[in-house]
Amino acid sequence: MPQVCARCQTTTSQPVVVAIGHGASAGGGTVYACPGTCADSFPKQRDPFEARDTLARPER
């Protein structure tokens, strides 16, 4: 499904998810960018499950 790039504001048929927006009253939304230069210009988002998996492993 085509989406509007958050960086260059053009419509792309190959959107890349670059962030999840959060809002208190209106909920959140997904932030999309064009693949390539626009998507690469956003900071890498951390995986929320990565820390959970690290904490759940028993030490040996």
PDB file of N, CA and C in Angstrom:
ATOM      1  N   MET A   1       0.845  -1.169   0.000  1.00  0.00           N
ATOM      2  CA  MET A   1       0.000   0.000   0.000  1.00  0.00           C
ATOM      3  C   MET A   1       0.900   1.246   0.000  1.00  0.00           C
ATOM      4  N   PRO A   2       0.713   2.152  -0.908  1.00  0.00           N
ATOM      5  CA  PRO A   2       1.523   3.373  -0.960  1.00  0.00           C
ATOM      6  C   PRO A   2       1.383   4.221   0.314  1.00  0.00           C
ATOM      7  N   GLN A   3       2.479   4.816   0.714  1.00  0.00           N
ATOM      8  CA  GLN A   3       2.518   5.685   1.891  1.00  0.00           C
ATOM      9  C   GLN A   3       3.323   6.937   1.559  1.00  0.00           C
ATOM     10  N   VAL A   4       3.163   7.967   2.367  1.00  0.00           N
ATOM     11  CA  VAL A   4       3.910   9.214   2.192  1.00  0.00           C
ATOM     12  C   VAL A   4       5.186   9.146   3.035  1.00  0.00           C
ATOM     13  N   CYS A   5       6.296   9.479   2.424  1.00  0.00           N
ATOM     14  CA  CYS A   5       7.593   9.485   3.106  1.00  0.00           C
ATOM     15  C   CYS A   5       7.637  10.637   4.108  1.00  0.00           C
ATOM     16  N   ALA A   6       8.066  10.350   5.319  1.00  0.00           N
ATOM     17  CA  ALA A   6       8.155  11.370   6.360  1.00  0.00           C
ATOM     18  C   ALA A   6       9.292  12.354   6.101  1.00  0.00           C
ATOM     19  N   ARG A   7      10.276  11.983   5.293  1.00  0.00           N
ATOM     20  CA  ARG A   7      11.430  12.858   5.030  1.00  0.00           C
ATOM     21  C   ARG A   7      11.175  13.777   3.831  1.00  0.00           C
ATOM     22  N   CYS A   8      10.818  13.211   2.676  1.00  0.00           N
ATOM     23  CA  CYS A   8      10.703  14.024   1.459  1.00  0.00           C
ATOM     24  C   CYS A   8       9.253  14.308   1.046  1.00  0.00           C
ATOM     25  N   GLN A   9       8.299  13.747   1.769  1.00  0.00           N
ATOM     26  CA  GLN A   9       6.873  13.993   1.540  1.00  0.00           C
ATOM     27  C   GLN A   9       6.370  13.526   0.175  1.00  0.00           C
ATOM     28  N   THR A  10       7.056  12.572  -0.454  1.00  0.00           N
ATOM     29  CA  THR A  10       6.555  12.008  -1.704  1.00  0.00           C
ATOM     30  C   THR A  10       5.897  10.664  -1.414  1.00  0.00           C
ATOM     31  N   THR A  11       5.017  10.253  -2.295  1.00  0.00           N
ATOM     32  CA  THR A  11       4.341   8.971  -2.135  1.00  0.00           C
ATOM     33  C   THR A  11       5.242   7.868  -2.672  1.00  0.00           C
ATOM     34  N   THR A  12       5.398   6.807  -1.902  1.00  0.00           N
ATOM     35  CA  THR A  12       6.217   5.680  -2.322  1.00  0.00           C
ATOM     36  C   THR A  12       5.400   4.399  -2.279  1.00  0.00           C
ATOM     37  N   SER A  13       5.609   3.549  -3.271  1.00  0.00           N
ATOM     38  CA  SER A  13       4.895   2.268  -3.319  1.00  0.00           C
ATOM     39  C   SER A  13       5.661   1.178  -2.573  1.00  0.00           C
ATOM     40  N   GLN A  14       6.865   1.512  -2.094  1.00  0.00           N
ATOM     41  CA  GLN A  14       7.677   0.567  -1.321  1.00  0.00           C
ATOM     42  C   GLN A  14       8.083   1.202   0.004  1.00  0.00           C
ATOM     43  N   PRO A  15       7.120   1.541   0.882  1.00  0.00           N
ATOM     44  CA  PRO A  15       7.458   2.228   2.127  1.00  0.00           C
ATOM     45  C   PRO A  15       8.240   1.344   3.090  1.00  0.00           C
ATOM     46  N   VAL A  16       9.105   1.982   3.857  1.00  0.00           N
ATOM     47  CA  VAL A  16       9.891   1.316   4.889  1.00  0.00           C
ATOM     48  C   VAL A  16       9.459   1.910   6.226  1.00  0.00           C
ATOM     49  N   VAL A  17       9.142   1.071   7.206  1.00  0.00           N
ATOM     50  CA  VAL A  17       8.784   1.559   8.539  1.00  0.00           C
ATOM     51  C   VAL A  17      10.060   2.029   9.225  1.00  0.00           C
ATOM     52  N   VAL A  18      10.092   3.299   9.657  1.00  0.00           N
ATOM     53  CA  VAL A  18      11.285   3.839  10.304  1.00  0.00           C
ATOM     54  C   VAL A  18      11.041   4.203  11.760  1.00  0.00           C
ATOM     55  N   ALA A  19       9.788   4.268  12.190  1.00  0.00           N
ATOM     56  CA  ALA A  19       9.486   4.590  13.592  1.00  0.00           C
ATOM     57  C   ALA A  19       8.009   4.333  13.852  1.00  0.00           C
ATOM     58  N   ILE A  20       7.700   4.230  15.122  1.00  0.00           N
ATOM     59  CA  ILE A  20       6.323   4.144  15.572  1.00  0.00           C
ATOM     60  C   ILE A  20       6.085   5.388  16.421  1.00  0.00           C
ATOM     61  N   GLY A  21       5.155   6.226  15.985  1.00  0.00           N
ATOM     62  CA  GLY A  21       4.844   7.446  16.722  1.00  0.00           C
ATOM     63  C   GLY A  21       3.899   7.141  17.866  1.00  0.00           C
ATOM     64  N   HIS A  22       4.045   7.835  18.962  1.00  0.00           N
ATOM     65  CA  HIS A  22       3.183   7.638  20.123  1.00  0.00           C
ATOM     66  C   HIS A  22       2.487   8.950  20.451  1.00  0.00           C
ATOM     67  N   GLY A  23       1.249   8.856  20.849  1.00  0.00           N
ATOM     68  CA  GLY A  23       0.489  10.039  21.231  1.00  0.00           C
ATOM     69  C   GLY A  23      -0.386   9.728  22.426  1.00  0.00           C
ATOM     70  N   ALA A  24      -0.595  10.694  23.272  1.00  0.00           N
ATOM     71  CA  ALA A  24      -1.378  10.476  24.482  1.00  0.00           C
ATOM     72  C   ALA A  24      -2.873  10.424  24.202  1.00  0.00           C
ATOM     73  N   SER A  25      -3.372  11.328  23.404  1.00  0.00           N
ATOM     74  CA  SER A  25      -4.817  11.394  23.215  1.00  0.00           C
ATOM     75  C   SER A  25      -5.290  10.757  21.915  1.00  0.00           C
ATOM     76  N   ALA A  26      -4.490  10.788  20.885  1.00  0.00           N
ATOM     77  CA  ALA A  26      -4.926  10.278  19.589  1.00  0.00           C
ATOM     78  C   ALA A  26      -4.302   8.936  19.241  1.00  0.00           C
ATOM     79  N   GLY A  27      -3.580   8.343  20.154  1.00  0.00           N
ATOM     80  CA  GLY A  27      -2.912   7.087  19.853  1.00  0.00           C
ATOM     81  C   GLY A  27      -1.651   7.309  19.060  1.00  0.00           C
ATOM     82  N   GLY A  28      -1.143   6.266  18.464  1.00  0.00           N
ATOM     83  CA  GLY A  28       0.108   6.375  17.726  1.00  0.00           C
ATOM     84  C   GLY A  28      -0.092   6.168  16.249  1.00  0.00           C
ATOM     85  N   GLY A  29       1.001   6.103  15.554  1.00  0.00           N
ATOM     86  CA  GLY A  29       0.958   5.889  14.119  1.00  0.00           C
ATOM     87  C   GLY A  29       2.304   5.404  13.638  1.00  0.00           C
ATOM     88  N   THR A  30       2.316   4.826  12.476  1.00  0.00           N
ATOM     89  CA  THR A  30       3.537   4.324  11.888  1.00  0.00           C
ATOM     90  C   THR A  30       4.146   5.405  11.000  1.00  0.00           C
ATOM     91  N   VAL A  31       5.458   5.580  11.096  1.00  0.00           N
ATOM     92  CA  VAL A  31       6.183   6.567  10.293  1.00  0.00           C
ATOM     93  C   VAL A  31       6.894   5.805   9.176  1.00  0.00           C
ATOM     94  N   TYR A  32       6.645   6.222   7.942  1.00  0.00           N
ATOM     95  CA  TYR A  32       7.205   5.556   6.770  1.00  0.00           C
ATOM     96  C   TYR A  32       8.198   6.458   6.057  1.00  0.00           C
ATOM     97  N   ALA A  33       9.122   5.831   5.314  1.00  0.00           N
ATOM     98  CA  ALA A  33      10.078   6.568   4.484  1.00  0.00           C
ATOM     99  C   ALA A  33      10.310   5.796   3.192  1.00  0.00           C
ATOM    100  N   CYS A  34      10.859   6.507   2.211  1.00  0.00           N
ATOM    101  CA  CYS A  34      11.250   5.870   0.951  1.00  0.00           C
ATOM    102  C   CYS A  34      12.418   4.925   1.244  1.00  0.00           C
ATOM    103  N   PRO A  35      12.509   3.801   0.515  1.00  0.00           N
ATOM    104  CA  PRO A  35      13.679   2.944   0.701  1.00  0.00           C
ATOM    105  C   PRO A  35      14.930   3.670   0.215  1.00  0.00           C
ATOM    106  N   GLY A  36      16.048   3.369   0.811  1.00  0.00           N
ATOM    107  CA  GLY A  36      17.311   3.991   0.386  1.00  0.00           C
ATOM    108  C   GLY A  36      17.679   5.194   1.225  1.00  0.00           C
ATOM    109  N   THR A  37      17.946   6.323   0.562  1.00  0.00           N
ATOM    110  CA  THR A  37      18.482   7.515   1.225  1.00  0.00           C
ATOM    111  C   THR A  37      17.574   8.032   2.340  1.00  0.00           C
ATOM    112  N   CYS A  38      16.285   8.147   2.089  1.00  0.00           N
ATOM    113  CA  CYS A  38      15.372   8.678   3.115  1.00  0.00           C
ATOM    114  C   CYS A  38      15.312   7.751   4.320  1.00  0.00           C
ATOM    115  N   ALA A  39      15.123   6.457   4.102  1.00  0.00           N
ATOM    116  CA  ALA A  39      15.032   5.504   5.209  1.00  0.00           C
ATOM    117  C   ALA A  39      16.349   5.443   5.982  1.00  0.00           C
ATOM    118  N   ASP A  40      17.474   5.509   5.268  1.00  0.00           N
ATOM    119  CA  ASP A  40      18.786   5.447   5.919  1.00  0.00           C
ATOM    120  C   ASP A  40      19.081   6.679   6.765  1.00  0.00           C
ATOM    121  N   SER A  41      18.382   7.795   6.503  1.00  0.00           N
ATOM    122  CA  SER A  41      18.655   9.027   7.248  1.00  0.00           C
ATOM    123  C   SER A  41      17.990   9.040   8.629  1.00  0.00           C
ATOM    124  N   PHE A  42      17.082   8.113   8.891  1.00  0.00           N
ATOM    125  CA  PHE A  42      16.449   8.026  10.210  1.00  0.00           C
ATOM    126  C   PHE A  42      17.317   7.192  11.143  1.00  0.00           C
ATOM    127  N   PRO A  43      17.355   7.536  12.438  1.00  0.00           N
ATOM    128  CA  PRO A  43      18.144   6.723  13.375  1.00  0.00           C
ATOM    129  C   PRO A  43      17.545   5.325  13.511  1.00  0.00           C
ATOM    130  N   LYS A  44      18.407   4.340  13.742  1.00  0.00           N
ATOM    131  CA  LYS A  44      17.952   2.968  13.934  1.00  0.00           C
ATOM    132  C   LYS A  44      17.108   2.890  15.205  1.00  0.00           C
ATOM    133  N   GLN A  45      15.961   2.241  15.116  1.00  0.00           N
ATOM    134  CA  GLN A  45      15.091   2.051  16.278  1.00  0.00           C
ATOM    135  C   GLN A  45      15.519   0.778  16.995  1.00  0.00           C
ATOM    136  N   ARG A  46      15.495   0.818  18.324  1.00  0.00           N
ATOM    137  CA  ARG A  46      15.874  -0.382  19.061  1.00  0.00           C
ATOM    138  C   ARG A  46      14.720  -1.363  19.062  1.00  0.00           C
ATOM    139  N   ASP A  47      15.042  -2.622  19.141  1.00  0.00           N
ATOM    140  CA  ASP A  47      14.037  -3.679  19.181  1.00  0.00           C
ATOM    141  C   ASP A  47      13.544  -3.815  20.619  1.00  0.00           C
ATOM    142  N   PRO A  48      12.273  -3.573  20.901  1.00  0.00           N
ATOM    143  CA  PRO A  48      11.786  -3.631  22.279  1.00  0.00           C
ATOM    144  C   PRO A  48      11.862  -5.032  22.877  1.00  0.00           C
ATOM    145  N   PHE A  49      11.938  -6.056  22.059  1.00  0.00           N
ATOM    146  CA  PHE A  49      11.999  -7.417  22.571  1.00  0.00           C
ATOM    147  C   PHE A  49      13.428  -7.876  22.838  1.00  0.00           C
ATOM    148  N   GLU A  50      14.402  -7.136  22.330  1.00  0.00           N
ATOM    149  CA  GLU A  50      15.799  -7.518  22.522  1.00  0.00           C
ATOM    150  C   GLU A  50      16.187  -7.511  23.995  1.00  0.00           C
ATOM    151  N   ALA A  51      15.834  -6.486  24.728  1.00  0.00           N
ATOM    152  CA  ALA A  51      16.157  -6.401  26.153  1.00  0.00           C
ATOM    153  C   ALA A  51      15.428  -7.493  26.930  1.00  0.00           C
ATOM    154  N   ARG A  52      14.200  -7.759  26.566  1.00  0.00           N
ATOM    155  CA  ARG A  52      13.434  -8.799  27.248  1.00  0.00           C
ATOM    156  C   ARG A  52      14.110 -10.148  27.071  1.00  0.00           C
ATOM    157  N   ASP A  53      14.549 -10.459  25.869  1.00  0.00           N
ATOM    158  CA  ASP A  53      15.200 -11.733  25.605  1.00  0.00           C
ATOM    159  C   ASP A  53      16.517 -11.853  26.370  1.00  0.00           C
ATOM    160  N   THR A  54      17.239 -10.755  26.479  1.00  0.00           N
ATOM    161  CA  THR A  54      18.504 -10.752  27.207  1.00  0.00           C
ATOM    162  C   THR A  54      18.265 -11.018  28.686  1.00  0.00           C
ATOM    163  N   LEU A  55      17.260 -10.404  29.261  1.00  0.00           N
ATOM    164  CA  LEU A  55      16.953 -10.571  30.684  1.00  0.00           C
ATOM    165  C   LEU A  55      16.380 -11.942  30.999  1.00  0.00           C
ATOM    166  N   ALA A  56      15.724 -12.563  30.026  1.00  0.00           N
ATOM    167  CA  ALA A  56      15.056 -13.841  30.272  1.00  0.00           C
ATOM    168  C   ALA A  56      16.023 -15.034  30.238  1.00  0.00           C
ATOM    169  N   ARG A  57      17.202 -14.861  29.704  1.00  0.00           N
ATOM    170  CA  ARG A  57      18.149 -15.981  29.605  1.00  0.00           C
ATOM    171  C   ARG A  57      18.809 -16.250  30.946  1.00  0.00           C
ATOM    172  N   PRO A  58      18.741 -17.477  31.402  1.00  0.00           N
ATOM    173  CA  PRO A  58      19.436 -17.791  32.661  1.00  0.00           C
ATOM    174  C   PRO A  58      20.936 -17.832  32.457  1.00  0.00           C
ATOM    175  N   GLU A  59      21.668 -17.351  33.427  1.00  0.00           N
ATOM    176  CA  GLU A  59      23.140 -17.379  33.342  1.00  0.00           C
ATOM    177  C   GLU A  59      23.628 -18.760  33.754  1.00  0.00           C
ATOM    178  N   ARG A  60      24.687 -19.198  33.114  1.00  0.00           N
ATOM    179  CA  ARG A  60      25.240 -20.532  33.429  1.00  0.00           C
ATOM    180  C   ARG A  60      26.638 -20.415  33.921  1.00  0.00           C
TER     181      ARG A  60
END
